[in-house]
C-alpha atoms as a PDB file:
ATOM      1  CA  UNK A   1       0.000   0.000   0.000  1.00  0.00           C
ATOM      2  CA  UNK A   2       2.894   2.354   0.776  1.00  0.00           C
ATOM      3  CA  UNK A   3       4.374   1.790  -2.719  1.00  0.00           C
ATOM      4  CA  UNK A   4       0.996   2.488  -4.317  1.00  0.00           C
ATOM      5  CA  UNK A   5       0.665   5.751  -2.363  1.00  0.00           C
ATOM      6  CA  UNK A   6       4.135   6.831  -3.502  1.00  0.00           C
ATOM      7  CA  UNK A   7       3.283   6.020  -7.115  1.00  0.00           C
ATOM      8  CA  UNK A   8       0.104   8.080  -6.823  1.00  0.00           C
ATOM      9  CA  UNK A   9       2.026  11.084  -5.503  1.00  0.00           C
ATOM     10  CA  UNK A  10       4.556  10.773  -8.341  1.00  0.00           C
ATOM     11  CA  UNK A  11       1.790  10.590 -10.971  1.00  0.00           C
ATOM     12  CA  UNK A  12      -0.061  13.588  -9.539  1.00  0.00           C
ATOM     13  CA  UNK A  13       3.151  15.664  -9.365  1.00  0.00           C
ATOM     14  CA  UNK A  14       4.100  14.742 -12.942  1.00  0.00           C
ATOM     15  CA  UNK A  15       0.653  15.620 -14.281  1.00  0.00           C
ATOM     16  CA  UNK A  16       0.273  18.830 -12.273  1.00  0.00           C
ATOM     17  CA  UNK A  17       3.656  20.271 -13.309  1.00  0.00           C
ATOM     18  CA  UNK A  18       3.016  22.997 -15.884  1.00  0.00           C
ATOM     19  CA  UNK A  19       4.676  22.697 -19.245  1.00  0.00           C
ATOM     20  CA  UNK A  20       6.987  25.568 -20.189  1.00  0.00           C
ATOM     21  CA  UNK A  21       7.106  26.736 -23.795  1.00  0.00           C
ATOM     22  CA  UNK A  22       9.786  29.268 -24.600  1.00  0.00           C
ATOM     23  CA  UNK A  23       9.804  31.189 -21.430  1.00  0.00           C
ATOM     24  CA  UNK A  24      12.908  33.382 -21.354  1.00  0.00           C
ATOM     25  CA  UNK A  25      12.380  36.710 -19.641  1.00  0.00           C
ATOM     26  CA  UNK A  26      14.017  39.767 -21.197  1.00  0.00           C
ATOM     27  CA  UNK A  27      14.193  42.867 -18.998  1.00  0.00           C
ATOM     28  CA  UNK A  28      14.258  46.370 -20.439  1.00  0.00           C
ATOM     29  CA  UNK A  29      15.238  49.429 -18.420  1.00  0.00           C
ATOM     30  CA  UNK A  30      12.899  51.828 -20.244  1.00  0.00           C
ATOM     31  CA  UNK A  31      14.420  55.284 -19.767  1.00  0.00           C
ATOM     32  CA  UNK A  32      16.128  58.132 -21.582  1.00  0.00           C
ATOM     33  CA  UNK A  33      19.832  57.663 -22.245  1.00  0.00           C
ATOM     34  CA  UNK A  34      19.713  53.951 -23.110  1.00  0.00           C
ATOM     35  CA  UNK A  35      20.660  52.619 -26.519  1.00  0.00           C
ATOM     36  CA  UNK A  36      18.013  50.165 -27.677  1.00  0.00           C
ATOM     37  CA  UNK A  37      19.424  49.547 -31.169  1.00  0.00           C
ATOM     38  CA  UNK A  38      20.973  46.193 -30.210  1.00  0.00           C
ATOM     39  CA  UNK A  39      17.558  44.724 -29.422  1.00  0.00           C
ATOM     40  CA  UNK A  40      16.818  44.321 -33.150  1.00  0.00           C
ATOM     41  CA  UNK A  41      19.486  41.592 -33.315  1.00  0.00           C
ATOM     42  CA  UNK A  42      18.751  39.807 -29.996  1.00  0.00           C
ATOM     43  CA  UNK A  43      17.385  36.279 -30.108  1.00  0.00           C
ATOM     44  CA  UNK A  44      13.822  36.532 -28.843  1.00  0.00           C
ATOM     45  CA  UNK A  45      11.398  33.657 -29.354  1.00  0.00           C
ATOM     46  CA  UNK A  46       7.686  33.049 -29.304  1.00  0.00           C
ATOM     47  CA  UNK A  47       6.853  32.186 -25.695  1.00  0.00           C
ATOM     48  CA  UNK A  48       9.387  34.630 -24.238  1.00  0.00           C
ATOM     49  CA  UNK A  49       8.290  37.577 -22.109  1.00  0.00           C
ATOM     50  CA  UNK A  50       9.615  41.133 -22.238  1.00  0.00           C
ATOM     51  CA  UNK A  51       9.400  43.087 -18.990  1.00  0.00           C
ATOM     52  CA  UNK A  52       9.648  46.864 -19.279  1.00  0.00           C
ATOM     53  CA  UNK A  53      10.589  48.701 -16.078  1.00  0.00           C
ATOM     54  CA  UNK A  54      10.131  52.478 -16.124  1.00  0.00           C
ATOM     55  CA  UNK A  55       9.249  55.553 -14.103  1.00  0.00           C
ATOM     56  CA  UNK A  56       5.523  55.944 -14.690  1.00  0.00           C
ATOM     57  CA  UNK A  57       5.624  59.640 -13.808  1.00  0.00           C
ATOM     58  CA  UNK A  58       7.977  60.296 -16.741  1.00  0.00           C
ATOM     59  CA  UNK A  59       7.404  57.532 -19.289  1.00  0.00           C
ATOM     60  CA  UNK A  60       4.866  55.266 -20.893  1.00  0.00           C
ATOM     61  CA  UNK A  61       5.157  52.199 -23.086  1.00  0.00           C
ATOM     62  CA  UNK A  62       3.313  52.091 -26.385  1.00  0.00           C
ATOM     63  CA  UNK A  63       3.144  49.177 -28.780  1.00  0.00           C
ATOM     64  CA  UNK A  64       2.901  50.630 -32.282  1.00  0.00           C
ATOM     65  CA  UNK A  65       3.091  49.535 -35.908  1.00  0.00           C
ATOM     66  CA  UNK A  66       6.164  50.061 -38.091  1.00  0.00           C
ATOM     67  CA  UNK A  67       4.972  53.349 -39.578  1.00  0.00           C
ATOM     68  CA  UNK A  68       4.181  54.903 -36.190  1.00  0.00           C
ATOM     69  CA  UNK A  69       7.527  53.623 -34.876  1.00  0.00           C
ATOM     70  CA  UNK A  70       9.418  55.225 -37.777  1.00  0.00           C
ATOM     71  CA  UNK A  71       7.532  58.516 -37.411  1.00  0.00           C
ATOM     72  CA  UNK A  72       7.233  58.589 -33.583  1.00  0.00           C
ATOM     73  CA  UNK A  73       3.451  58.759 -33.686  1.00  0.00           C
ATOM     74  CA  UNK A  74       1.904  57.901 -30.338  1.00  0.00           C
ATOM     75  CA  UNK A  75      -1.763  58.604 -31.077  1.00  0.00           C
ATOM     76  CA  UNK A  76      -2.412  55.284 -32.886  1.00  0.00           C
ATOM     77  CA  UNK A  77      -0.966  52.910 -30.284  1.00  0.00           C
ATOM     78  CA  UNK A  78      -1.972  49.264 -30.508  1.00  0.00           C
ATOM     79  CA  UNK A  79      -1.486  49.045 -26.758  1.00  0.00           C
ATOM     80  CA  UNK A  80      -0.715  51.734 -24.171  1.00  0.00           C
ATOM     81  CA  UNK A  81       0.794  51.154 -20.721  1.00  0.00           C
ATOM     82  CA  UNK A  82       1.786  53.655 -18.046  1.00  0.00           C
ATOM     83  CA  UNK A  83       2.086  51.835 -14.738  1.00  0.00           C
ATOM     84  CA  UNK A  84       5.874  51.443 -14.441  1.00  0.00           C
ATOM     85  CA  UNK A  85       6.221  47.712 -15.057  1.00  0.00           C
ATOM     86  CA  UNK A  86       4.744  46.038 -18.082  1.00  0.00           C
ATOM     87  CA  UNK A  87       5.137  42.372 -19.006  1.00  0.00           C
ATOM     88  CA  UNK A  88       4.361  41.318 -22.558  1.00  0.00           C
ATOM     89  CA  UNK A  89       4.274  37.620 -23.456  1.00  0.00           C
ATOM     90  CA  UNK A  90       5.231  37.139 -27.100  1.00  0.00           C
ATOM     91  CA  UNK A  91       2.797  34.795 -28.814  1.00  0.00           C
ATOM     92  CA  UNK A  92       3.544  35.138 -32.542  1.00  0.00           C
ATOM     93  CA  UNK A  93       6.651  35.607 -34.688  1.00  0.00           C
ATOM     94  CA  UNK A  94       7.497  38.833 -36.489  1.00  0.00           C
ATOM     95  CA  UNK A  95       8.679  42.361 -35.723  1.00  0.00           C
ATOM     96  CA  UNK A  96       7.292  44.370 -32.804  1.00  0.00           C
ATOM     97  CA  UNK A  97       7.740  48.070 -32.158  1.00  0.00           C
ATOM     98  CA  UNK A  98       7.720  50.030 -28.892  1.00  0.00           C
ATOM     99  CA  UNK A  99       7.992  53.761 -28.201  1.00  0.00           C
ATOM    100  CA  UNK A 100       7.635  56.077 -25.214  1.00  0.00           C
ATOM    101  CA  UNK A 101       4.509  58.202 -25.480  1.00  0.00           C
ATOM    102  CA  UNK A 102       5.892  61.130 -23.461  1.00  0.00           C
ATOM    103  CA  UNK A 103       6.397  64.234 -25.627  1.00  0.00           C
ATOM    104  CA  UNK A 104       9.922  64.460 -27.033  1.00  0.00           C
ATOM    105  CA  UNK A 105      11.057  61.031 -25.786  1.00  0.00           C
ATOM    106  CA  UNK A 106      10.735  59.287 -29.144  1.00  0.00           C
ATOM    107  CA  UNK A 107      13.070  58.673 -31.076  1.00  0.00           C
ATOM    108  CA  UNK A 108      15.410  58.352 -28.077  1.00  0.00           C
ATOM    109  CA  UNK A 109      13.063  55.777 -26.538  1.00  0.00           C
ATOM    110  CA  UNK A 110      12.284  53.419 -29.411  1.00  0.00           C
ATOM    111  CA  UNK A 111      12.754  49.668 -29.354  1.00  0.00           C
ATOM    112  CA  UNK A 112      12.277  47.166 -32.149  1.00  0.00           C
ATOM    113  CA  UNK A 113      12.398  43.409 -31.632  1.00  0.00           C
ATOM    114  CA  UNK A 114      12.172  40.514 -34.038  1.00  0.00           C
ATOM    115  CA  UNK A 115      10.325  37.572 -32.526  1.00  0.00           C
ATOM    116  CA  UNK A 116      11.467  34.233 -33.932  1.00  0.00           C
ATOM    117  CA  UNK A 117       9.060  31.374 -34.485  1.00  0.00           C
ATOM    118  CA  UNK A 118       9.138  28.677 -31.862  1.00  0.00           C
ATOM    119  CA  UNK A 119       9.219  24.965 -32.567  1.00  0.00           C
ATOM    120  CA  UNK A 120       5.415  25.057 -32.426  1.00  0.00           C
ATOM    121  CA  UNK A 121       4.163  24.946 -36.058  1.00  0.00           C
ATOM    122  CA  UNK A 122       0.818  26.536 -35.189  1.00  0.00           C
ATOM    123  CA  UNK A 123       2.293  30.044 -34.917  1.00  0.00           C
ATOM    124  CA  UNK A 124       1.119  32.567 -37.478  1.00  0.00           C
ATOM    125  CA  UNK A 125       3.109  35.231 -39.260  1.00  0.00           C
ATOM    126  CA  UNK A 126       2.396  38.381 -37.254  1.00  0.00           C
ATOM    127  CA  UNK A 127       3.143  39.081 -33.603  1.00  0.00           C
ATOM    128  CA  UNK A 128       0.404  39.131 -31.034  1.00  0.00           C
ATOM    129  CA  UNK A 129       0.241  40.339 -27.470  1.00  0.00           C
ATOM    130  CA  UNK A 130      -1.207  38.666 -24.457  1.00  0.00           C
ATOM    131  CA  UNK A 131      -2.752  41.304 -22.233  1.00  0.00           C
ATOM    132  CA  UNK A 132       0.004  42.617 -19.993  1.00  0.00           C
ATOM    133  CA  UNK A 133       0.029  41.518 -16.381  1.00  0.00           C
ATOM    134  CA  UNK A 134      -0.147  45.128 -15.339  1.00  0.00           C
ATOM    135  CA  UNK A 135      -3.224  47.314 -14.772  1.00  0.00           C
ATOM    136  CA  UNK A 136      -1.979  50.339 -16.760  1.00  0.00           C
ATOM    137  CA  UNK A 137      -3.147  49.261 -20.185  1.00  0.00           C
ATOM    138  CA  UNK A 138      -5.673  51.537 -21.816  1.00  0.00           C
ATOM    139  CA  UNK A 139      -5.886  49.354 -24.919  1.00  0.00           C
ATOM    140  CA  UNK A 140      -5.894  45.721 -23.816  1.00  0.00           C
ATOM    141  CA  UNK A 141      -5.012  43.222 -26.478  1.00  0.00           C
ATOM    142  CA  UNK A 142      -7.804  41.306 -28.119  1.00  0.00           C
ATOM    143  CA  UNK A 143      -5.618  38.256 -28.568  1.00  0.00           C
ATOM    144  CA  UNK A 144      -5.701  37.038 -24.976  1.00  0.00           C
ATOM    145  CA  UNK A 145      -7.825  34.093 -26.191  1.00  0.00           C
ATOM    146  CA  UNK A 146      -4.606  32.138 -26.800  1.00  0.00           C
ATOM    147  CA  UNK A 147      -3.648  32.399 -23.138  1.00  0.00           C
ATOM    148  CA  UNK A 148      -7.132  31.354 -22.054  1.00  0.00           C
ATOM    149  CA  UNK A 149      -7.031  28.367 -24.401  1.00  0.00           C
ATOM    150  CA  UNK A 150      -3.618  27.352 -23.080  1.00  0.00           C
ATOM    151  CA  UNK A 151      -4.838  27.607 -19.483  1.00  0.00           C
ATOM    152  CA  UNK A 152      -7.938  25.586 -20.343  1.00  0.00           C
ATOM    153  CA  UNK A 153      -5.794  22.916 -21.993  1.00  0.00           C
ATOM    154  CA  UNK A 154      -3.479  22.712 -18.973  1.00  0.00           C
ATOM    155  CA  UNK A 155      -6.489  22.381 -16.660  1.00  0.00           C
ATOM    156  CA  UNK A 156      -7.927  19.583 -18.831  1.00  0.00           C
ATOM    157  CA  UNK A 157      -4.594  17.764 -18.682  1.00  0.00           C
ATOM    158  CA  UNK A 158      -4.527  18.119 -14.908  1.00  0.00           C
ATOM    159  CA  UNK A 159      -8.071  16.805 -14.455  1.00  0.00           C
ATOM    160  CA  UNK A 160      -7.438  13.892 -16.807  1.00  0.00           C
ATOM    161  CA  UNK A 161      -4.199  13.035 -14.979  1.00  0.00           C
ATOM    162  CA  UNK A 162      -5.932  13.082 -11.613  1.00  0.00           C
ATOM    163  CA  UNK A 163      -8.716  10.888 -12.974  1.00  0.00           C
ATOM    164  CA  UNK A 164      -6.171   8.350 -14.262  1.00  0.00           C
ATOM    165  CA  UNK A 165      -4.184   8.458 -11.012  1.00  0.00           C
ATOM    166  CA  UNK A 166      -7.188   7.885  -8.769  1.00  0.00           C
ATOM    167  CA  UNK A 167      -8.610   5.276 -11.124  1.00  0.00           C
ATOM    168  CA  UNK A 168      -5.316   3.407 -11.003  1.00  0.00           C
ATOM    169  CA  UNK A 169      -5.193   3.641  -7.220  1.00  0.00           C
ATOM    170  CA  UNK A 170      -8.716   2.285  -6.788  1.00  0.00           C
ATOM    171  CA  UNK A 171      -8.066  -0.522  -9.277  1.00  0.00           C
ATOM    172  CA  UNK A 172      -5.107  -1.739  -7.201  1.00  0.00           C
ATOM    173  CA  UNK A 173      -6.745  -1.177  -3.792  1.00  0.00           C
ATOM    174  CA  UNK A 174     -10.158  -2.629  -4.610  1.00  0.00           C
END
C-alpha cells in the first residue's frame, strides 16, 4: 500500500507540473539615455516575455506599428501602458515596435524586436500580445484568447491526470 501511495504522488506531481514553452524573460530598463538599437538583433522567441521597467511619472510604453515607430506617432498605439512595469508575453513571430509616449522622448526611446518562431508549427506570421500583467493598459489586447485556451488545456490535462491516477489507485486497492 505504501508503494501504491508513492506512485500516486509521483503521478499527480508529474501531471500537475506545468509545461513551459519558450519562457525566457528579457528585462528592459525603459528610460532616456539607453541605446536600444541592439535589441533588433537579440534572439527573442515566441513564448518569451519582455518586462519593461520604467518611471511611470515620466514615461509610458506604447506598442505601435512600423509606420508609427518610424515617425514617432503615439496617437495610434496598438497598446498603451503607463504603470511602471509592463510584461508582454510574445505569442507570434514577427517584428514588434515600442515607443515612449511622453512628448519628445521618441526617437530616443524606441525599441524594435524581431520575434522568432518557436518549434510550435501553429504560430502565425504576425506578432500578437497577451494582455500585460499590469493594470496600466488603456488598450488591452484582443488576442488574450490564446492564453485562455492554453490555461484551459493545462487544466484539462490536470483533471485527466488526476482521474487516471485515482482510477489506477482504486483498481489496485479494490
